[in-house]
């Protein structure tokens, strides 16, 4: 039988030690990477807010709006043909277990069809109402956040409309419920005098 020399034995031991050290280093690095990924995931989940299946009073009020409506859109401060009101219909649907309210609208504005999509919700973590607005005349999504002092019957929204074609002006929306079957949304921007100037009013009346 061939005998191993002392040098060969030392070489084998050194090679084994290097393999173990490399494997341990890789495992340690993987653990660090995994820990970093876990921290990033935890931070992302924290930003989303606490997970809950409970329905708050604010959500319950929003869900009451579910149903089919006729819409009348008025352009405030306009004259002539631009002042003529436009009409359309929309449907409000409670989605994702009643946590959000989806509005799908179809109007005829100055003889042309305009479709819109809006998502309403209430963020329990921030204690704010939230809304996303989209329509066929733009490829931007306008994000708005709001508050209410009367349990959701009147909601004041505000959002940066720099991506929505408003020249960076702050866009405001005020939702006012006059009854369970009728409410109004008034859109406005801040004027040079520092006061809100309304430019659009949409009246919703539930179809029966």
Foldseek 3Di string as FASTA:
>chain_A
DDDDDPVNVVVVVVVVVVVVVVVVVVVVVVVVVVVVVVVVVVVVVVVVPDDDLDDDLLLVVVQLLFAKWKKKKAFPPDDDPNRDIKIWIWGWDQDDNSQKIKIWIWIQDPNRIKIKIKIWHAHPRVRWIKMWIDIDVAPDIWIWIWHDDPSNQKIKIWTQCCRPPPVRWIKIWIWHHPDSFKIKIWIWTQDPVRDTDTGMMMIIGHDD
